């Protein structure tokens, strides 16, 4: 990783990287899922897909596969 100090770029030390990681907020699993869903679907889009799952099964299947894939990735599997 690189950092800029006074307009000069340099590589971060292992200690700096460890400190940065230690100070990063921990985002709960559920919020990580929602954040990733929102990258592709708005709340309105998601509600429409859920409401129309019987009349548009292919669209619902694509949405559901997307969400289940995210959940697998976030669980580490």
N, C-alpha and C. Protein backbone atom coordinates (compact mmCIF):
# COMPACT_ATOMS: atom_id res chain seq x y z
N UNK A 1 0.84 -1.17 0.00
CA UNK A 1 0.00 0.00 0.00
C UNK A 1 0.89 1.24 0.00
N UNK A 2 0.37 2.25 -0.67
CA UNK A 2 1.12 3.51 -0.74
C UNK A 2 0.36 4.59 0.02
N UNK A 3 1.11 5.54 0.55
CA UNK A 3 0.56 6.66 1.30
C UNK A 3 1.22 7.94 0.80
N UNK A 4 0.49 9.03 0.88
CA UNK A 4 1.03 10.32 0.45
C UNK A 4 1.24 11.19 1.69
N UNK A 5 2.46 11.64 1.86
CA UNK A 5 2.80 12.56 2.96
C UNK A 5 3.48 13.78 2.36
N UNK A 6 2.87 14.94 2.56
CA UNK A 6 3.43 16.20 2.04
C UNK A 6 3.70 16.13 0.54
N UNK A 7 2.81 15.45 -0.19
CA UNK A 7 2.94 15.37 -1.64
C UNK A 7 3.91 14.33 -2.13
N UNK A 8 4.48 13.54 -1.23
CA UNK A 8 5.44 12.50 -1.61
C UNK A 8 4.83 11.14 -1.29
N UNK A 9 4.78 10.26 -2.29
CA UNK A 9 4.24 8.92 -2.09
C UNK A 9 5.33 7.97 -1.63
N UNK A 10 4.95 7.09 -0.71
CA UNK A 10 5.87 6.06 -0.23
C UNK A 10 5.07 4.82 0.15
N UNK A 11 5.76 3.69 0.25
CA UNK A 11 5.12 2.46 0.70
C UNK A 11 4.88 2.54 2.20
N UNK A 12 3.73 2.01 2.62
CA UNK A 12 3.44 1.96 4.05
C UNK A 12 4.24 0.84 4.68
N UNK A 13 4.61 1.02 5.94
CA UNK A 13 5.30 -0.04 6.66
C UNK A 13 4.29 -1.08 7.11
N UNK A 14 4.76 -2.25 7.46
CA UNK A 14 3.88 -3.31 7.97
C UNK A 14 3.14 -2.82 9.22
N UNK A 15 3.82 -2.06 10.06
CA UNK A 15 3.20 -1.53 11.28
C UNK A 15 2.07 -0.57 10.93
N UNK A 16 2.29 0.32 9.97
CA UNK A 16 1.26 1.28 9.55
C UNK A 16 0.04 0.55 8.98
N UNK A 17 0.30 -0.48 8.19
CA UNK A 17 -0.80 -1.26 7.62
C UNK A 17 -1.59 -1.94 8.74
N UNK A 18 -0.89 -2.53 9.71
CA UNK A 18 -1.56 -3.20 10.82
C UNK A 18 -2.38 -2.21 11.64
N UNK A 19 -1.84 -1.02 11.89
CA UNK A 19 -2.58 0.00 12.64
C UNK A 19 -3.82 0.45 11.88
N UNK A 20 -3.68 0.62 10.58
CA UNK A 20 -4.81 1.05 9.76
C UNK A 20 -5.93 0.00 9.82
N UNK A 21 -5.55 -1.28 9.68
CA UNK A 21 -6.54 -2.35 9.72
C UNK A 21 -7.21 -2.45 11.09
N UNK A 22 -6.42 -2.24 12.15
CA UNK A 22 -6.96 -2.32 13.51
C UNK A 22 -7.96 -1.21 13.79
N UNK A 23 -7.81 -0.09 13.10
CA UNK A 23 -8.70 1.05 13.33
C UNK A 23 -9.89 1.10 12.39
N UNK A 24 -9.97 0.15 11.47
CA UNK A 24 -11.10 0.13 10.54
C UNK A 24 -12.35 -0.36 11.26
N UNK A 25 -13.49 0.25 10.99
CA UNK A 25 -14.72 -0.21 11.64
C UNK A 25 -15.10 -1.60 11.16
N UNK A 26 -15.70 -2.36 12.04
CA UNK A 26 -16.17 -3.70 11.69
C UNK A 26 -17.63 -3.57 11.29
N UNK A 27 -17.93 -3.91 10.05
CA UNK A 27 -19.30 -3.81 9.54
C UNK A 27 -19.97 -5.16 9.74
N UNK A 28 -21.12 -5.19 10.42
CA UNK A 28 -21.81 -6.46 10.66
C UNK A 28 -22.19 -7.15 9.35
N UNK A 29 -22.27 -8.48 9.41
CA UNK A 29 -22.61 -9.32 8.26
C UNK A 29 -23.86 -8.82 7.53
N UNK A 30 -24.93 -8.58 8.26
CA UNK A 30 -26.19 -8.17 7.65
C UNK A 30 -26.04 -6.86 6.87
N UNK A 31 -25.28 -5.92 7.44
CA UNK A 31 -25.09 -4.63 6.76
C UNK A 31 -24.22 -4.78 5.53
N UNK A 32 -23.23 -5.68 5.58
CA UNK A 32 -22.41 -5.93 4.39
C UNK A 32 -23.26 -6.48 3.26
N UNK A 33 -24.21 -7.36 3.59
CA UNK A 33 -25.11 -7.93 2.58
C UNK A 33 -25.95 -6.82 1.95
N UNK A 34 -26.57 -6.00 2.79
CA UNK A 34 -27.41 -4.91 2.29
C UNK A 34 -26.60 -3.94 1.44
N UNK A 35 -25.40 -3.58 1.90
CA UNK A 35 -24.56 -2.66 1.14
C UNK A 35 -24.28 -3.20 -0.26
N UNK A 36 -23.98 -4.47 -0.34
CA UNK A 36 -23.65 -5.06 -1.64
C UNK A 36 -24.89 -5.19 -2.53
N UNK A 37 -26.05 -5.49 -1.94
CA UNK A 37 -27.29 -5.54 -2.73
C UNK A 37 -27.57 -4.16 -3.30
N UNK A 38 -27.38 -3.11 -2.49
CA UNK A 38 -27.66 -1.74 -2.94
C UNK A 38 -26.74 -1.27 -4.06
N UNK A 39 -25.60 -1.93 -4.23
CA UNK A 39 -24.73 -1.59 -5.36
C UNK A 39 -25.40 -1.90 -6.69
N UNK A 40 -26.33 -2.87 -6.67
CA UNK A 40 -27.00 -3.28 -7.91
C UNK A 40 -28.48 -2.93 -7.91
N UNK A 41 -29.15 -3.08 -6.77
CA UNK A 41 -30.60 -2.88 -6.69
C UNK A 41 -30.94 -1.79 -5.68
N UNK A 42 -31.79 -0.85 -6.06
CA UNK A 42 -32.31 0.12 -5.10
C UNK A 42 -33.39 -0.58 -4.27
N UNK A 43 -33.83 0.07 -3.21
CA UNK A 43 -34.91 -0.49 -2.39
C UNK A 43 -36.16 -0.66 -3.26
N UNK A 44 -36.48 0.34 -4.07
CA UNK A 44 -37.66 0.26 -4.94
C UNK A 44 -37.54 -0.90 -5.92
N UNK A 45 -36.35 -1.08 -6.52
CA UNK A 45 -36.14 -2.20 -7.44
C UNK A 45 -36.36 -3.54 -6.73
N UNK A 46 -35.80 -3.64 -5.55
CA UNK A 46 -35.90 -4.89 -4.79
C UNK A 46 -37.36 -5.19 -4.42
N UNK A 47 -38.09 -4.18 -3.98
CA UNK A 47 -39.50 -4.40 -3.65
C UNK A 47 -40.31 -4.81 -4.88
N UNK A 48 -40.02 -4.19 -6.02
CA UNK A 48 -40.74 -4.54 -7.26
C UNK A 48 -40.46 -5.98 -7.64
N UNK A 49 -39.21 -6.40 -7.55
CA UNK A 49 -38.86 -7.78 -7.90
C UNK A 49 -39.57 -8.76 -6.96
N UNK A 50 -39.56 -8.46 -5.69
CA UNK A 50 -40.22 -9.34 -4.72
C UNK A 50 -41.73 -9.38 -4.94
N UNK A 51 -42.31 -8.22 -5.24
CA UNK A 51 -43.75 -8.15 -5.47
C UNK A 51 -44.16 -8.92 -6.73
N UNK A 52 -43.30 -8.92 -7.75
CA UNK A 52 -43.63 -9.53 -9.03
C UNK A 52 -42.97 -10.90 -9.24
N UNK A 53 -42.57 -11.54 -8.16
CA UNK A 53 -41.84 -12.81 -8.31
C UNK A 53 -42.65 -13.89 -9.02
N UNK A 54 -43.97 -13.85 -8.92
CA UNK A 54 -44.80 -14.83 -9.61
C UNK A 54 -44.95 -14.50 -11.09
N UNK A 55 -45.06 -13.23 -11.43
CA UNK A 55 -45.27 -12.84 -12.83
C UNK A 55 -43.96 -12.69 -13.61
N UNK A 56 -42.84 -12.55 -12.91
CA UNK A 56 -41.53 -12.42 -13.57
C UNK A 56 -40.53 -13.36 -12.88
N UNK A 57 -40.75 -14.67 -13.01
CA UNK A 57 -39.90 -15.61 -12.28
C UNK A 57 -38.43 -15.57 -12.69
N UNK A 58 -38.13 -15.27 -13.95
CA UNK A 58 -36.73 -15.21 -14.38
C UNK A 58 -35.99 -14.05 -13.72
N UNK A 59 -36.66 -12.91 -13.63
CA UNK A 59 -36.06 -11.74 -12.98
C UNK A 59 -35.85 -12.01 -11.49
N UNK A 60 -36.84 -12.66 -10.86
CA UNK A 60 -36.71 -12.99 -9.45
C UNK A 60 -35.57 -13.99 -9.24
N UNK A 61 -35.46 -14.99 -10.12
CA UNK A 61 -34.40 -16.01 -9.98
C UNK A 61 -33.03 -15.36 -10.09
N UNK A 62 -32.85 -14.41 -11.02
CA UNK A 62 -31.57 -13.72 -11.17
C UNK A 62 -31.23 -12.92 -9.91
N UNK A 63 -32.24 -12.22 -9.38
CA UNK A 63 -32.06 -11.45 -8.15
C UNK A 63 -31.69 -12.38 -6.99
N UNK A 64 -32.42 -13.45 -6.85
CA UNK A 64 -32.20 -14.39 -5.75
C UNK A 64 -30.82 -15.03 -5.85
N UNK A 65 -30.41 -15.43 -7.05
CA UNK A 65 -29.08 -16.00 -7.24
C UNK A 65 -28.00 -14.98 -6.86
N UNK A 66 -28.21 -13.73 -7.24
CA UNK A 66 -27.27 -12.66 -6.90
C UNK A 66 -27.12 -12.53 -5.39
N UNK A 67 -28.25 -12.46 -4.69
CA UNK A 67 -28.22 -12.29 -3.23
C UNK A 67 -27.61 -13.51 -2.55
N UNK A 68 -27.98 -14.70 -2.97
CA UNK A 68 -27.42 -15.91 -2.36
C UNK A 68 -25.92 -16.01 -2.60
N UNK A 69 -25.46 -15.56 -3.78
CA UNK A 69 -24.03 -15.54 -4.05
C UNK A 69 -23.28 -14.59 -3.13
N UNK A 70 -23.86 -13.43 -2.90
CA UNK A 70 -23.26 -12.47 -1.97
C UNK A 70 -23.18 -13.07 -0.57
N UNK A 71 -24.24 -13.72 -0.14
CA UNK A 71 -24.25 -14.32 1.20
C UNK A 71 -23.17 -15.39 1.33
N UNK A 72 -23.01 -16.21 0.30
CA UNK A 72 -21.95 -17.23 0.31
C UNK A 72 -20.58 -16.57 0.41
N UNK A 73 -20.34 -15.55 -0.39
CA UNK A 73 -19.05 -14.86 -0.37
C UNK A 73 -18.77 -14.24 1.00
N UNK A 74 -19.77 -13.61 1.59
CA UNK A 74 -19.57 -12.95 2.88
C UNK A 74 -19.37 -13.94 4.02
N UNK A 75 -19.91 -15.15 3.86
CA UNK A 75 -19.68 -16.19 4.86
C UNK A 75 -18.33 -16.85 4.67
N UNK A 76 -17.70 -16.57 3.53
CA UNK A 76 -16.39 -17.13 3.26
C UNK A 76 -16.44 -18.49 2.58
N UNK A 77 -17.54 -18.77 1.93
CA UNK A 77 -17.63 -20.08 1.30
C UNK A 77 -18.14 -19.96 -0.03
